[in-house]
């Protein structure tokens, strides 16, 4: 592995070395470089970043994800597991008749999700034993937080039913945005964000487990907004990013840094 650059943490008083893997081009921080409790860090960030109401309001973002997954699955799912479910917004877009389960380490988020009627596991995925598998398993913006990503992926793929869909969304350092911003890329936020996966790493790992890539696209996510504080131009940062994000070509090439990958588990695999 190679040392890439030193990054000052925006959430702790420490700095961390960023490394890159020779073989797969993934990048990572060493979580043990400093003694920080990740569980306590996540819960503290959850409490202080925003207020999350118990009342549910449908979101176009999650409705779009639901539509993509149903289209790839070919039918309405009977079960879905969302890892890193936060307050359960994504799960609530599915009908109550569907077995909706969430995994979340933040007690603050879990309590809100439970009040919304969802089944929640307040633990790391690696510490949970599931009795059943799921037709859809989702992991949105969670894998960058992991101390042991291979162990996580081993468990994640194993709980997908044959013929089921696994969706993973991660920030990609292989985007033009990340390459341009370098140290200023907001996703370089150790120890909150620890791992940055290459396309090659994800695709080869899951292919070996019997999954084939069905769809991939890139989205603007938390785009750098150069006009936000410019008098008279404040509205531009609200309109231009959304317009660009909707362009088919922008979705196909890694200009922006949110990478959505959808995999299907082979029907021939043993349960």
Protein backbone atom coordinates (compact mmCIF):
# COMPACT_ATOMS: atom_id res chain seq x y z
CA UNK A 1 0.00 0.00 0.00
CA UNK A 2 1.06 3.60 -0.60
CA UNK A 3 0.76 6.66 1.57
CA UNK A 4 -1.35 9.25 -0.26
CA UNK A 5 -1.65 12.28 2.04
CA UNK A 6 -2.24 13.38 5.61
CA UNK A 7 -5.79 14.52 6.39
CA UNK A 8 -6.91 16.59 9.38
CA UNK A 9 -10.07 15.16 10.92
CA UNK A 10 -13.04 17.60 10.97
CA UNK A 11 -14.71 15.66 13.81
CA UNK A 12 -11.77 14.96 16.16
CA UNK A 13 -8.54 16.83 17.11
CA UNK A 14 -6.40 14.29 15.20
CA UNK A 15 -4.96 13.86 11.73
CA UNK A 16 -4.84 10.57 9.77
CA UNK A 17 -2.75 9.16 6.94
CA UNK A 18 -4.70 8.18 3.82
CA UNK A 19 -3.48 4.97 2.13
CA UNK A 20 -4.14 3.38 -1.27
CA UNK A 21 -4.11 -0.34 -2.07
CA UNK A 22 -1.70 -1.39 -4.86
CA UNK A 23 -3.88 -4.15 -6.26
CA UNK A 24 -7.40 -2.68 -6.28
CA UNK A 25 -6.89 1.11 -5.97
CA UNK A 26 -9.21 1.40 -2.97
CA UNK A 27 -8.27 3.95 -0.31
CA UNK A 28 -8.53 3.86 3.47
CA UNK A 29 -7.63 5.37 6.82
CA UNK A 30 -6.34 3.24 9.70
CA UNK A 31 -9.05 3.53 12.39
CA UNK A 32 -6.63 2.43 15.12
CA UNK A 33 -4.23 5.29 14.42
CA UNK A 34 -6.00 7.12 17.26
CA UNK A 35 -8.13 5.83 20.16
CA UNK A 36 -11.66 6.95 19.25
CA UNK A 37 -14.93 5.10 19.98
CA UNK A 38 -16.78 4.98 16.67
CA UNK A 39 -20.12 4.02 18.26
CA UNK A 40 -19.96 7.04 20.58
CA UNK A 41 -18.85 9.28 17.72
CA UNK A 42 -21.79 8.23 15.47
CA UNK A 43 -24.36 8.70 18.23
CA UNK A 44 -22.98 12.13 19.10
CA UNK A 45 -23.01 13.23 15.45
CA UNK A 46 -26.57 11.97 15.06
CA UNK A 47 -27.78 14.02 18.02
CA UNK A 48 -26.12 17.26 17.04
CA UNK A 49 -26.40 17.44 13.25
CA UNK A 50 -30.15 17.75 12.85
CA UNK A 51 -33.57 17.23 14.36
CA UNK A 52 -35.47 14.28 12.90
CA UNK A 53 -39.26 14.30 13.38
CA UNK A 54 -41.21 11.11 14.06
CA UNK A 55 -43.76 12.06 11.39
CA UNK A 56 -42.98 10.50 8.01
CA UNK A 57 -42.87 12.52 4.80
CA UNK A 58 -42.22 10.69 1.50
CA UNK A 59 -39.09 11.81 -0.36
CA UNK A 60 -38.53 11.72 -4.17
CA UNK A 61 -34.97 10.47 -3.56
CA UNK A 62 -36.14 7.34 -1.73
CA UNK A 63 -39.12 6.81 -4.03
CA UNK A 64 -36.68 6.70 -6.93
CA UNK A 65 -34.57 4.10 -5.12
CA UNK A 66 -37.68 2.01 -4.44
CA UNK A 67 -38.68 2.14 -8.12
CA UNK A 68 -35.20 1.08 -9.30
CA UNK A 69 -35.09 -1.86 -6.89
CA UNK A 70 -38.57 -3.13 -7.75
CA UNK A 71 -37.73 -2.88 -11.45
CA UNK A 72 -34.50 -4.87 -10.99
CA UNK A 73 -36.19 -7.45 -8.77
CA UNK A 74 -39.11 -7.74 -11.19
CA UNK A 75 -41.76 -7.59 -8.48
CA UNK A 76 -42.68 -6.10 -5.13
CA UNK A 77 -40.36 -7.53 -2.46
CA UNK A 78 -41.61 -9.59 0.46
CA UNK A 79 -38.69 -8.50 2.65
CA UNK A 80 -36.11 -5.74 2.79
CA UNK A 81 -33.18 -5.01 5.09
CA UNK A 82 -31.64 -1.54 5.21
CA UNK A 83 -28.22 -1.40 6.88
CA UNK A 84 -27.52 2.04 8.27
CA UNK A 85 -31.25 2.77 8.29
CA UNK A 86 -31.03 5.91 10.42
CA UNK A 87 -34.64 6.89 11.22
CA UNK A 88 -36.12 4.49 8.67
CA UNK A 89 -37.12 6.95 5.94
CA UNK A 90 -36.19 4.57 3.09
CA UNK A 91 -37.98 1.58 4.62
CA UNK A 92 -41.16 3.58 5.15
CA UNK A 93 -41.53 4.01 1.39
CA UNK A 94 -42.41 0.30 1.24
CA UNK A 95 -45.86 -1.03 2.20
CA UNK A 96 -46.49 -2.19 5.76
CA UNK A 97 -47.22 -5.71 4.45
CA UNK A 98 -43.54 -6.06 3.53
CA UNK A 99 -41.12 -7.32 6.19
CA UNK A 100 -39.14 -4.10 6.77
CA UNK A 101 -36.04 -4.35 8.95
CA UNK A 102 -33.34 -1.83 9.76
CA UNK A 103 -29.84 -1.98 11.24
CA UNK A 104 -28.57 1.14 12.99
CA UNK A 105 -25.92 1.77 15.68
CA UNK A 106 -27.30 5.12 16.84
CA UNK A 107 -29.74 4.79 19.73
CA UNK A 108 -31.15 8.20 18.84
CA UNK A 109 -32.04 7.10 15.31
CA UNK A 110 -33.31 3.67 16.40
CA UNK A 111 -35.77 5.13 18.88
CA UNK A 112 -37.31 7.33 16.18
CA UNK A 113 -37.52 4.41 13.73
CA UNK A 114 -39.19 2.17 16.31
CA UNK A 115 -41.77 4.88 17.05
CA UNK A 116 -42.49 4.77 13.33
CA UNK A 117 -43.33 1.06 13.59
CA UNK A 118 -40.17 -0.44 12.11
CA UNK A 119 -38.22 -3.48 13.28
CA UNK A 120 -34.77 -2.24 14.25
CA UNK A 121 -31.50 -3.91 15.30
CA UNK A 122 -29.49 -1.46 17.39
CA UNK A 123 -26.07 -2.95 16.72
CA UNK A 124 -23.32 -3.32 14.16
CA UNK A 125 -24.25 -5.74 11.35
CA UNK A 126 -21.35 -7.99 12.35
CA UNK A 127 -22.95 -8.57 15.79
CA UNK A 128 -26.39 -9.65 14.51
CA UNK A 129 -27.60 -13.17 13.70
CA UNK A 130 -30.44 -13.20 11.16
CA UNK A 131 -32.91 -16.08 11.03
CA UNK A 132 -33.99 -15.28 7.47
CA UNK A 133 -32.59 -13.80 4.27
CA UNK A 134 -34.00 -10.82 2.40
CA UNK A 135 -35.04 -10.14 -1.18
CA UNK A 136 -33.56 -6.64 -1.04
CA UNK A 137 -30.57 -5.63 1.07
CA UNK A 138 -29.48 -2.00 0.97
CA UNK A 139 -26.45 -0.16 2.27
CA UNK A 140 -26.61 3.55 1.55
CA UNK A 141 -23.68 5.69 2.74
CA UNK A 142 -22.59 3.18 5.40
CA UNK A 143 -19.61 1.23 4.02
CA UNK A 144 -17.28 4.22 4.20
CA UNK A 145 -17.66 4.07 8.01
CA UNK A 146 -16.45 0.49 8.50
CA UNK A 147 -13.47 -0.77 10.47
CA UNK A 148 -13.56 -4.20 8.77
CA UNK A 149 -15.17 -3.85 5.32
CA UNK A 150 -14.42 -7.41 4.13
CA UNK A 151 -16.17 -8.94 7.13
CA UNK A 152 -19.11 -6.58 6.58
CA UNK A 153 -19.38 -7.54 2.90
CA UNK A 154 -19.17 -11.23 3.77
CA UNK A 155 -22.24 -10.87 5.99
CA UNK A 156 -24.07 -8.43 3.72
CA UNK A 157 -23.96 -10.63 0.63
CA UNK A 158 -24.79 -13.79 2.61
CA UNK A 159 -28.18 -12.47 3.75
CA UNK A 160 -29.44 -11.77 0.21
CA UNK A 161 -31.85 -14.41 -1.11
CA UNK A 162 -31.01 -16.01 -4.45
CA UNK A 163 -32.43 -13.81 -7.16
CA UNK A 164 -32.39 -10.93 -4.70
CA UNK A 165 -30.90 -7.45 -5.11
CA UNK A 166 -28.05 -5.88 -3.16
CA UNK A 167 -27.63 -2.12 -3.52
CA UNK A 168 -24.55 -0.31 -2.26
CA UNK A 169 -24.04 3.45 -2.32
CA UNK A 170 -20.60 4.75 -1.40
CA UNK A 171 -18.63 7.95 -1.98
CA UNK A 172 -16.10 7.32 -4.71
CA UNK A 173 -12.62 8.81 -4.70
CA UNK A 174 -12.41 7.86 -8.38
CA UNK A 175 -14.77 10.71 -9.30
CA UNK A 176 -13.62 13.91 -10.96
CA UNK A 177 -15.01 15.86 -8.02
CA UNK A 178 -12.84 14.01 -5.48
CA UNK A 179 -9.76 14.21 -7.68
CA UNK A 180 -10.24 17.95 -8.12
CA UNK A 181 -10.87 18.76 -4.45
CA UNK A 182 -8.15 16.46 -3.04
CA UNK A 183 -7.77 17.23 0.70
CA UNK A 184 -10.83 19.47 0.60
CA UNK A 185 -13.13 16.62 -0.46
CA UNK A 186 -15.69 16.51 2.36
CA UNK A 187 -15.76 12.71 2.37
CA UNK A 188 -12.19 12.58 3.66
CA UNK A 189 -13.46 12.82 7.23
CA UNK A 190 -11.61 10.33 9.47
CA UNK A 191 -12.49 8.46 11.62
CA UNK A 192 -16.14 8.99 10.60
CA UNK A 193 -15.24 7.93 7.05
CA UNK A 194 -12.58 5.23 6.83
CA UNK A 195 -12.86 3.38 3.50
CA UNK A 196 -13.22 4.39 -0.14
CA UNK A 197 -13.89 1.48 -2.48
CA UNK A 198 -12.86 1.21 -6.11
CA UNK A 199 -15.26 -0.11 -8.72
CA UNK A 200 -12.89 -3.00 -9.34
CA UNK A 201 -12.83 -4.05 -5.69
CA UNK A 202 -16.63 -4.13 -5.30
CA UNK A 203 -17.34 -5.80 -8.64
CA UNK A 204 -14.68 -8.51 -8.34
CA UNK A 205 -15.53 -9.31 -4.73
CA UNK A 206 -19.26 -9.69 -5.41
CA UNK A 207 -18.76 -11.56 -8.69
CA UNK A 208 -16.78 -14.14 -6.74
CA UNK A 209 -19.78 -14.48 -4.40
CA UNK A 210 -22.23 -15.06 -7.24
CA UNK A 211 -23.49 -11.51 -7.85
CA UNK A 212 -23.59 -9.69 -11.17
CA UNK A 213 -23.72 -5.92 -11.61
CA UNK A 214 -27.12 -4.85 -12.95
CA UNK A 215 -26.88 -1.08 -12.85
CA UNK A 216 -24.50 1.68 -11.78
CA UNK A 217 -24.79 5.42 -11.83
CA UNK A 218 -23.22 8.49 -10.24
CA UNK A 219 -25.02 11.30 -8.47
CA UNK A 220 -24.23 14.79 -7.31
CA UNK A 221 -24.84 14.14 -3.60
CA UNK A 222 -23.32 16.92 -1.48
CA UNK A 223 -21.92 18.80 -4.44
CA UNK A 224 -19.42 21.63 -4.01
CA UNK A 225 -21.52 24.80 -4.43
CA UNK A 226 -19.28 27.70 -5.52
CA UNK A 227 -22.10 30.27 -5.69
CA UNK A 228 -23.64 29.63 -2.29
CA UNK A 229 -22.21 32.76 -0.63
CA UNK A 230 -22.00 35.04 -3.65
CA UNK A 231 -24.52 37.92 -3.44
CA UNK A 232 -27.08 37.75 -6.23
CA UNK A 233 -26.08 34.22 -7.23
CA UNK A 234 -27.30 32.24 -4.22
CA UNK A 235 -30.12 30.59 -6.15
CA UNK A 236 -27.75 29.17 -8.75
CA UNK A 237 -26.41 26.49 -6.41
CA UNK A 238 -29.96 25.21 -5.94
CA UNK A 239 -30.82 24.91 -9.64
CA UNK A 240 -27.67 24.04 -11.58
CA UNK A 241 -26.62 20.95 -9.56
CA UNK A 242 -30.05 19.34 -9.91
CA UNK A 243 -30.14 20.09 -13.63
CA UNK A 244 -26.70 18.56 -14.21
CA UNK A 245 -27.45 15.55 -12.03
CA UNK A 246 -30.43 14.66 -14.24
CA UNK A 247 -28.34 14.44 -17.42
CA UNK A 248 -27.91 10.79 -18.59
CA UNK A 249 -24.23 11.28 -19.48
CA UNK A 250 -23.44 12.70 -16.01
CA UNK A 251 -24.99 9.62 -14.43
CA UNK A 252 -22.87 7.27 -16.54
CA UNK A 253 -19.44 8.77 -15.93
CA UNK A 254 -17.84 9.45 -12.51
CA UNK A 255 -18.01 13.22 -12.48
CA UNK A 256 -19.77 13.35 -9.11
CA UNK A 257 -18.94 11.33 -6.03
CA UNK A 258 -22.00 9.30 -4.98
CA UNK A 259 -21.74 5.88 -6.66
CA UNK A 260 -24.82 3.64 -6.70
CA UNK A 261 -24.21 -0.04 -7.58
CA UNK A 262 -26.96 -2.67 -7.88
CA UNK A 263 -26.11 -6.38 -7.88
CA UNK A 264 -28.28 -9.46 -8.37
CA UNK A 265 -27.61 -12.78 -6.65
CA UNK A 266 -27.46 -15.79 -8.94
CA UNK A 267 -30.52 -18.05 -8.78
CA UNK A 268 -28.29 -21.13 -8.96
CA UNK A 269 -26.57 -20.41 -5.64
CA UNK A 270 -27.45 -22.59 -2.67
CA UNK A 271 -29.39 -21.00 0.15
